[in-house]
Amino acid sequence: MSFSHYHALCHRYRGRAVQIRTVDGRIHRGIIHHVSGNRVFLRPLRRPRNFGGFGYGGWGWGFGWGVAIGSIAALALIPFFW
């Protein structure tokens, strides 16, 4: 799939829980928080318990991590079970 295809998918699924597999085999799970020109930023699915409410960002535990859109090999929606 092309870069523009995954960029459009990430915009469409913003706010949804996804699983992203990159070309190097890594799997990232989270909620799409933001999509920039070349990265998609994921929030963790669950709030970490060891931060005690202090952190960076509006939720008290940060904005998650970024994945390069060009490295995405597969993107799938995952259901919420929790």
PDB file of N, CA and C in Angstrom:
ATOM      1  N   MET A   1       0.838  -1.178   0.000  1.00  0.00           N
ATOM      2  CA  MET A   1       0.000   0.000   0.000  1.00  0.00           C
ATOM      3  C   MET A   1       0.885   1.244   0.000  1.00  0.00           C
ATOM      4  N   SER A   2       0.325   2.325  -0.456  1.00  0.00           N
ATOM      5  CA  SER A   2       1.093   3.553  -0.579  1.00  0.00           C
ATOM      6  C   SER A   2       1.020   4.401   0.694  1.00  0.00           C
ATOM      7  N   PHE A   3       1.950   5.348   0.761  1.00  0.00           N
ATOM      8  CA  PHE A   3       2.002   6.288   1.873  1.00  0.00           C
ATOM      9  C   PHE A   3       0.678   7.033   1.996  1.00  0.00           C
ATOM     10  N   SER A   4       0.159   7.526   0.876  1.00  0.00           N
ATOM     11  CA  SER A   4      -1.079   8.308   0.918  1.00  0.00           C
ATOM     12  C   SER A   4      -2.275   7.466   1.375  1.00  0.00           C
ATOM     13  N   HIS A   5      -2.272   6.175   1.055  1.00  0.00           N
ATOM     14  CA  HIS A   5      -3.343   5.280   1.502  1.00  0.00           C
ATOM     15  C   HIS A   5      -3.347   5.177   3.024  1.00  0.00           C
ATOM     16  N   TYR A   6      -2.177   4.907   3.634  1.00  0.00           N
ATOM     17  CA  TYR A   6      -2.108   4.786   5.096  1.00  0.00           C
ATOM     18  C   TYR A   6      -2.331   6.130   5.781  1.00  0.00           C
ATOM     19  N   HIS A   7      -1.895   7.222   5.164  1.00  0.00           N
ATOM     20  CA  HIS A   7      -2.136   8.544   5.740  1.00  0.00           C
ATOM     21  C   HIS A   7      -3.644   8.806   5.803  1.00  0.00           C
ATOM     22  N   ALA A   8      -4.363   8.483   4.738  1.00  0.00           N
ATOM     23  CA  ALA A   8      -5.824   8.669   4.719  1.00  0.00           C
ATOM     24  C   ALA A   8      -6.510   7.747   5.731  1.00  0.00           C
ATOM     25  N   LEU A   9      -6.045   6.495   5.851  1.00  0.00           N
ATOM     26  CA  LEU A   9      -6.622   5.570   6.836  1.00  0.00           C
ATOM     27  C   LEU A   9      -6.433   6.091   8.257  1.00  0.00           C
ATOM     28  N   CYS A  10      -5.242   6.592   8.545  1.00  0.00           N
ATOM     29  CA  CYS A  10      -4.976   7.115   9.888  1.00  0.00           C
ATOM     30  C   CYS A  10      -5.881   8.294  10.196  1.00  0.00           C
ATOM     31  N   HIS A  11      -6.110   9.175   9.232  1.00  0.00           N
ATOM     32  CA  HIS A  11      -7.040  10.292   9.445  1.00  0.00           C
ATOM     33  C   HIS A  11      -8.462   9.779   9.656  1.00  0.00           C
ATOM     34  N   ARG A  12      -8.866   8.801   8.883  1.00  0.00           N
ATOM     35  CA  ARG A  12     -10.224   8.264   8.982  1.00  0.00           C
ATOM     36  C   ARG A  12     -10.454   7.588  10.339  1.00  0.00           C
ATOM     37  N   TYR A  13      -9.451   6.901  10.865  1.00  0.00           N
ATOM     38  CA  TYR A  13      -9.606   6.144  12.110  1.00  0.00           C
ATOM     39  C   TYR A  13      -9.136   6.910  13.335  1.00  0.00           C
ATOM     40  N   ARG A  14      -8.959   8.209  13.232  1.00  0.00           N
ATOM     41  CA  ARG A  14      -8.537   9.007  14.380  1.00  0.00           C
ATOM     42  C   ARG A  14      -9.548   8.858  15.514  1.00  0.00           C
ATOM     43  N   GLY A  15      -9.040   8.594  16.724  1.00  0.00           N
ATOM     44  CA  GLY A  15      -9.896   8.374  17.887  1.00  0.00           C
ATOM     45  C   GLY A  15     -10.305   6.924  18.070  1.00  0.00           C
ATOM     46  N   ARG A  16      -9.883   6.037  17.183  1.00  0.00           N
ATOM     47  CA  ARG A  16     -10.239   4.619  17.250  1.00  0.00           C
ATOM     48  C   ARG A  16      -9.021   3.799  17.680  1.00  0.00           C
ATOM     49  N   ALA A  17      -9.286   2.664  18.278  1.00  0.00           N
ATOM     50  CA  ALA A  17      -8.224   1.743  18.682  1.00  0.00           C
ATOM     51  C   ALA A  17      -7.743   0.976  17.455  1.00  0.00           C
ATOM     52  N   VAL A  18      -6.432   0.953  17.243  1.00  0.00           N
ATOM     53  CA  VAL A  18      -5.853   0.294  16.081  1.00  0.00           C
ATOM     54  C   VAL A  18      -4.651  -0.552  16.479  1.00  0.00           C
ATOM     55  N   GLN A  19      -4.315  -1.454  15.590  1.00  0.00           N
ATOM     56  CA  GLN A  19      -3.070  -2.214  15.697  1.00  0.00           C
ATOM     57  C   GLN A  19      -2.301  -1.932  14.413  1.00  0.00           C
ATOM     58  N   ILE A  20      -1.071  -1.446  14.570  1.00  0.00           N
ATOM     59  CA  ILE A  20      -0.237  -1.122  13.424  1.00  0.00           C
ATOM     60  C   ILE A  20       0.959  -2.062  13.416  1.00  0.00           C
ATOM     61  N   ARG A  21       1.170  -2.717  12.276  1.00  0.00           N
ATOM     62  CA  ARG A  21       2.366  -3.545  12.088  1.00  0.00           C
ATOM     63  C   ARG A  21       3.263  -2.806  11.116  1.00  0.00           C
ATOM     64  N   THR A  22       4.536  -2.636  11.496  1.00  0.00           N
ATOM     65  CA  THR A  22       5.476  -1.918  10.652  1.00  0.00           C
ATOM     66  C   THR A  22       6.257  -2.906   9.794  1.00  0.00           C
ATOM     67  N   VAL A  23       6.992  -2.384   8.819  1.00  0.00           N
ATOM     68  CA  VAL A  23       7.732  -3.240   7.889  1.00  0.00           C
ATOM     69  C   VAL A  23       8.829  -4.033   8.585  1.00  0.00           C
ATOM     70  N   ASP A  24       9.288  -3.577   9.753  1.00  0.00           N
ATOM     71  CA  ASP A  24      10.309  -4.329  10.485  1.00  0.00           C
ATOM     72  C   ASP A  24       9.714  -5.353  11.448  1.00  0.00           C
ATOM     73  N   GLY A  25       8.382  -5.530  11.428  1.00  0.00           N
ATOM     74  CA  GLY A  25       7.725  -6.560  12.218  1.00  0.00           C
ATOM     75  C   GLY A  25       7.205  -6.120  13.575  1.00  0.00           C
ATOM     76  N   ARG A  26       7.451  -4.895  13.976  1.00  0.00           N
ATOM     77  CA  ARG A  26       6.954  -4.416  15.276  1.00  0.00           C
ATOM     78  C   ARG A  26       5.441  -4.204  15.216  1.00  0.00           C
ATOM     79  N   ILE A  27       4.798  -4.431  16.354  1.00  0.00           N
ATOM     80  CA  ILE A  27       3.351  -4.228  16.458  1.00  0.00           C
ATOM     81  C   ILE A  27       3.103  -3.145  17.498  1.00  0.00           C
ATOM     82  N   HIS A  28       2.318  -2.148  17.117  1.00  0.00           N
ATOM     83  CA  HIS A  28       1.963  -1.039  17.996  1.00  0.00           C
ATOM     84  C   HIS A  28       0.452  -1.032  18.140  1.00  0.00           C
ATOM     85  N   ARG A  29      -0.022  -0.978  19.388  1.00  0.00           N
ATOM     86  CA  ARG A  29      -1.466  -0.908  19.649  1.00  0.00           C
ATOM     87  C   ARG A  29      -1.757   0.359  20.430  1.00  0.00           C
ATOM     88  N   GLY A  30      -2.812   1.051  20.040  1.00  0.00           N
ATOM     89  CA  GLY A  30      -3.192   2.266  20.736  1.00  0.00           C
ATOM     90  C   GLY A  30      -4.335   2.951  20.031  1.00  0.00           C
ATOM     91  N   ILE A  31      -4.668   4.120  20.524  1.00  0.00           N
ATOM     92  CA  ILE A  31      -5.737   4.928  19.964  1.00  0.00           C
ATOM     93  C   ILE A  31      -5.085   6.063  19.181  1.00  0.00           C
ATOM     94  N   ILE A  32      -5.479   6.240  17.936  1.00  0.00           N
ATOM     95  CA  ILE A  32      -4.884   7.296  17.123  1.00  0.00           C
ATOM     96  C   ILE A  32      -5.284   8.643  17.713  1.00  0.00           C
ATOM     97  N   HIS A  33      -4.279   9.389  18.144  1.00  0.00           N
ATOM     98  CA  HIS A  33      -4.505  10.686  18.771  1.00  0.00           C
ATOM     99  C   HIS A  33      -4.305  11.829  17.780  1.00  0.00           C
ATOM    100  N   HIS A  34      -3.256  11.734  16.965  1.00  0.00           N
ATOM    101  CA  HIS A  34      -2.918  12.824  16.043  1.00  0.00           C
ATOM    102  C   HIS A  34      -2.218  12.245  14.824  1.00  0.00           C
ATOM    103  N   VAL A  35      -2.436  12.856  13.681  1.00  0.00           N
ATOM    104  CA  VAL A  35      -1.755  12.465  12.452  1.00  0.00           C
ATOM    105  C   VAL A  35      -1.075  13.702  11.889  1.00  0.00           C
ATOM    106  N   SER A  36       0.256  13.636  11.767  1.00  0.00           N
ATOM    107  CA  SER A  36       0.998  14.749  11.169  1.00  0.00           C
ATOM    108  C   SER A  36       1.307  14.396   9.720  1.00  0.00           C
ATOM    109  N   GLY A  37       2.183  15.161   9.095  1.00  0.00           N
ATOM    110  CA  GLY A  37       2.523  14.920   7.710  1.00  0.00           C
ATOM    111  C   GLY A  37       3.188  13.582   7.455  1.00  0.00           C
ATOM    112  N   ASN A  38       3.952  13.084   8.453  1.00  0.00           N
ATOM    113  CA  ASN A  38       4.668  11.821   8.242  1.00  0.00           C
ATOM    114  C   ASN A  38       4.599  10.855   9.414  1.00  0.00           C
ATOM    115  N   ARG A  39       3.852  11.176  10.456  1.00  0.00           N
ATOM    116  CA  ARG A  39       3.741  10.297  11.622  1.00  0.00           C
ATOM    117  C   ARG A  39       2.304  10.209  12.104  1.00  0.00           C
ATOM    118  N   VAL A  40       2.003   9.078  12.709  1.00  0.00           N
ATOM    119  CA  VAL A  40       0.735   8.905  13.408  1.00  0.00           C
ATOM    120  C   VAL A  40       1.077   8.713  14.881  1.00  0.00           C
ATOM    121  N   PHE A  41       0.387   9.439  15.759  1.00  0.00           N
ATOM    122  CA  PHE A  41       0.666   9.389  17.186  1.00  0.00           C
ATOM    123  C   PHE A  41      -0.423   8.589  17.886  1.00  0.00           C
ATOM    124  N   LEU A  42       0.004   7.612  18.675  1.00  0.00           N
ATOM    125  CA  LEU A  42      -0.906   6.707  19.376  1.00  0.00           C
ATOM    126  C   LEU A  42      -0.873   6.959  20.871  1.00  0.00           C
ATOM    127  N   ARG A  43      -2.053   6.941  21.499  1.00  0.00           N
ATOM    128  CA  ARG A  43      -2.160   6.949  22.955  1.00  0.00           C
ATOM    129  C   ARG A  43      -2.199   5.510  23.412  1.00  0.00           C
ATOM    130  N   PRO A  44      -1.658   5.216  24.576  1.00  0.00           N
ATOM    131  CA  PRO A  44      -1.758   3.850  25.102  1.00  0.00           C
ATOM    132  C   PRO A  44      -3.216   3.456  25.304  1.00  0.00           C
ATOM    133  N   LEU A  45      -3.498   2.176  25.158  1.00  0.00           N
ATOM    134  CA  LEU A  45      -4.871   1.697  25.345  1.00  0.00           C
ATOM    135  C   LEU A  45      -5.309   1.788  26.796  1.00  0.00           C
ATOM    136  N   ARG A  46      -4.398   1.549  27.689  1.00  0.00           N
ATOM    137  CA  ARG A  46      -4.722   1.626  29.117  1.00  0.00           C
ATOM    138  C   ARG A  46      -3.813   2.624  29.784  1.00  0.00           C
ATOM    139  N   ARG A  47      -4.328   3.262  30.809  1.00  0.00           N
ATOM    140  CA  ARG A  47      -3.536   4.232  31.554  1.00  0.00           C
ATOM    141  C   ARG A  47      -2.505   3.502  32.399  1.00  0.00           C
ATOM    142  N   PRO A  48      -1.225   3.887  32.285  1.00  0.00           N
ATOM    143  CA  PRO A  48      -0.214   3.275  33.140  1.00  0.00           C
ATOM    144  C   PRO A  48      -0.498   3.560  34.606  1.00  0.00           C
ATOM    145  N   ARG A  49      -0.273   2.599  35.457  1.00  0.00           N
ATOM    146  CA  ARG A  49      -0.610   2.736  36.875  1.00  0.00           C
ATOM    147  C   ARG A  49       0.508   3.363  37.703  1.00  0.00           C
ATOM    148  N   ASN A  50       1.717   3.399  37.195  1.00  0.00           N
ATOM    149  CA  ASN A  50       2.837   3.817  38.028  1.00  0.00           C
ATOM    150  C   ASN A  50       3.172   5.301  37.909  1.00  0.00           C
ATOM    151  N   PHE A  51       2.374   6.122  37.201  1.00  0.00           N
ATOM    152  CA  PHE A  51       2.709   7.530  37.084  1.00  0.00           C
ATOM    153  C   PHE A  51       2.012   8.385  38.132  1.00  0.00           C
ATOM    154  N   GLY A  52       1.024   7.875  38.805  1.00  0.00           N
ATOM    155  CA  GLY A  52       0.385   8.609  39.886  1.00  0.00           C
ATOM    156  C   GLY A  52      -0.352   9.867  39.454  1.00  0.00           C
ATOM    157  N   GLY A  53      -0.746   9.970  38.216  1.00  0.00           N
ATOM    158  CA  GLY A  53      -1.506  11.123  37.763  1.00  0.00           C
ATOM    159  C   GLY A  53      -0.659  12.279  37.277  1.00  0.00           C
ATOM    160  N   PHE A  54       0.655  12.204  37.414  1.00  0.00           N
ATOM    161  CA  PHE A  54       1.517  13.274  36.942  1.00  0.00           C
ATOM    162  C   PHE A  54       2.136  12.869  35.631  1.00  0.00           C
ATOM    163  N   GLY A  55       2.185  13.777  34.697  1.00  0.00           N
ATOM    164  CA  GLY A  55       2.760  13.445  33.405  1.00  0.00           C
ATOM    165  C   GLY A  55       2.711  14.625  32.476  1.00  0.00           C
ATOM    166  N   TYR A  56       2.841  14.348  31.212  1.00  0.00           N
ATOM    167  CA  TYR A  56       2.852  15.372  30.196  1.00  0.00           C
ATOM    168  C   TYR A  56       1.585  15.236  29.360  1.00  0.00           C
ATOM    169  N   GLY A  57       0.931  16.341  29.110  1.00  0.00           N
ATOM    170  CA  GLY A  57      -0.236  16.279  28.241  1.00  0.00           C
ATOM    171  C   GLY A  57      -1.534  16.406  28.994  1.00  0.00           C
ATOM    172  N   GLY A  58      -2.622  16.450  28.239  1.00  0.00           N
ATOM    173  CA  GLY A  58      -3.932  16.709  28.794  1.00  0.00           C
ATOM    174  C   GLY A  58      -4.539  15.564  29.571  1.00  0.00           C
ATOM    175  N   TRP A  59      -4.079  14.350  29.422  1.00  0.00           N
ATOM    176  CA  TRP A  59      -4.687  13.221  30.109  1.00  0.00           C
ATOM    177  C   TRP A  59      -3.906  12.818  31.339  1.00  0.00           C
ATOM    178  N   GLY A  60      -2.792  13.486  31.628  1.00  0.00           N
ATOM    179  CA  GLY A  60      -2.002  13.132  32.794  1.00  0.00           C
ATOM    180  C   GLY A  60      -1.032  12.010  32.509  1.00  0.00           C
ATOM    181  N   TRP A  61      -0.990  11.488  31.284  1.00  0.00           N
ATOM    182  CA  TRP A  61      -0.026  10.436  30.983  1.00  0.00           C
ATOM    183  C   TRP A  61       0.552  10.569  29.589  1.00  0.00           C
ATOM    184  N   GLY A  62       0.491  11.763  29.041  1.00  0.00           N
ATOM    185  CA  GLY A  62       1.191  12.045  27.799  1.00  0.00           C
ATOM    186  C   GLY A  62       0.387  11.777  26.552  1.00  0.00           C
ATOM    187  N   PHE A  63       1.005  12.031  25.433  1.00  0.00           N
ATOM    188  CA  PHE A  63       0.357  11.891  24.145  1.00  0.00           C
ATOM    189  C   PHE A  63       0.734  10.610  23.441  1.00  0.00           C
ATOM    190  N   GLY A  64       1.476   9.741  24.064  1.00  0.00           N
ATOM    191  CA  GLY A  64       1.818   8.473  23.441  1.00  0.00           C
ATOM    192  C   GLY A  64       3.092   8.533  22.641  1.00  0.00           C
ATOM    193  N   TRP A  65       3.148   7.779  21.570  1.00  0.00           N
ATOM    194  CA  TRP A  65       4.365   7.680  20.766  1.00  0.00           C
ATOM    195  C   TRP A  65       3.994   7.816  19.301  1.00  0.00           C
ATOM    196  N   GLY A  66       5.006   8.148  18.499  1.00  0.00           N
ATOM    197  CA  GLY A  66       4.777   8.340  17.078  1.00  0.00           C
ATOM    198  C   GLY A  66       5.308   7.180  16.258  1.00  0.00           C
ATOM    199  N   VAL A  67       4.592   6.830  15.208  1.00  0.00           N
ATOM    200  CA  VAL A  67       4.995   5.786  14.264  1.00  0.00           C
ATOM    201  C   VAL A  67       5.082   6.439  12.896  1.00  0.00           C
ATOM    202  N   ALA A  68       6.185   6.230  12.195  1.00  0.00           N
ATOM    203  CA  ALA A  68       6.345   6.793  10.854  1.00  0.00           C
ATOM    204  C   ALA A  68       5.337   6.143   9.906  1.00  0.00           C
ATOM    205  N   ILE A  69       4.576   6.963   9.213  1.00  0.00           N
ATOM    206  CA  ILE A  69       3.554   6.438   8.307  1.00  0.00           C
ATOM    207  C   ILE A  69       4.192   5.629   7.184  1.00  0.00           C
ATOM    208  N   GLY A  70       5.375   6.028   6.750  1.00  0.00           N
ATOM    209  CA  GLY A  70       6.059   5.306   5.679  1.00  0.00           C
ATOM    210  C   GLY A  70       6.503   3.912   6.067  1.00  0.00           C
ATOM    211  N   SER A  71       6.539   3.612   7.372  1.00  0.00           N
ATOM    212  CA  SER A  71       6.965   2.282   7.816  1.00  0.00           C
ATOM    213  C   SER A  71       5.799   1.340   8.092  1.00  0.00           C
ATOM    214  N   ILE A  72       4.566   1.789   7.884  1.00  0.00           N
ATOM    215  CA  ILE A  72       3.397   0.959   8.168  1.00  0.00           C
ATOM    216  C   ILE A  72       3.238  -0.110   7.096  1.00  0.00           C
ATOM    217  N   ALA A  73       3.150  -1.370   7.543  1.00  0.00           N
ATOM    218  CA  ALA A  73       2.907  -2.488   6.632  1.00  0.00           C
ATOM    219  C   ALA A  73       1.446  -2.923   6.676  1.00  0.00           C
ATOM    220  N   ALA A  74       0.784  -2.740   7.836  1.00  0.00           N
ATOM    221  CA  ALA A  74      -0.627  -3.112   7.976  1.00  0.00           C
ATOM    222  C   ALA A  74      -1.241  -2.285   9.102  1.00  0.00           C
ATOM    223  N   LEU A  75      -2.499  -1.946   8.937  1.00  0.00           N
ATOM    224  CA  LEU A  75      -3.231  -1.205   9.948  1.00  0.00           C
ATOM    225  C   LEU A  75      -4.593  -1.865  10.088  1.00  0.00           C
ATOM    226  N   ALA A  76      -4.981  -2.187  11.313  1.00  0.00           N
ATOM    227  CA  ALA A  76      -6.266  -2.849  11.547  1.00  0.00           C
ATOM    228  C   ALA A  76      -6.939  -2.237  12.763  1.00  0.00           C
ATOM    229  N   LEU A  77      -8.251  -2.116  12.706  1.00  0.00           N
ATOM    230  CA  LEU A  77      -9.023  -1.683  13.874  1.00  0.00           C
ATOM    231  C   LEU A  77      -9.079  -2.832  14.867  1.00  0.00           C
ATOM    232  N   ILE A  78      -9.024  -2.489  16.151  1.00  0.00           N
ATOM    233  CA  ILE A  78      -9.190  -3.519  17.178  1.00  0.00           C
ATOM    234  C   ILE A  78     -10.348  -3.110  18.073  1.00  0.00           C
ATOM    235  N   PRO A  79     -11.135  -4.068  18.513  1.00  0.00           N
ATOM    236  CA  PRO A  79     -12.295  -3.744  19.357  1.00  0.00           C
ATOM    237  C   PRO A  79     -11.864  -3.462  20.798  1.00  0.00           C
ATOM    238  N   PHE A  80     -12.684  -2.700  21.499  1.00  0.00           N
ATOM    239  CA  PHE A  80     -12.454  -2.454  22.923  1.00  0.00           C
ATOM    240  C   PHE A  80     -13.045  -3.590  23.728  1.00  0.00           C
ATOM    241  N   PHE A  81     -12.230  -4.268  24.501  1.00  0.00           N
ATOM    242  CA  PHE A  81     -12.720  -5.339  25.363  1.00  0.00           C
ATOM    243  C   PHE A  81     -12.600  -4.970  26.834  1.00  0.00           C
ATOM    244  N   TRP A  82     -12.189  -3.755  27.158  1.00  0.00           N
ATOM    245  CA  TRP A  82     -11.978  -3.373  28.544  1.00  0.00           C
ATOM    246  C   TRP A  82     -12.729  -2.124  28.878  1.00  0.00           C
TER     247      TRP A  82
END
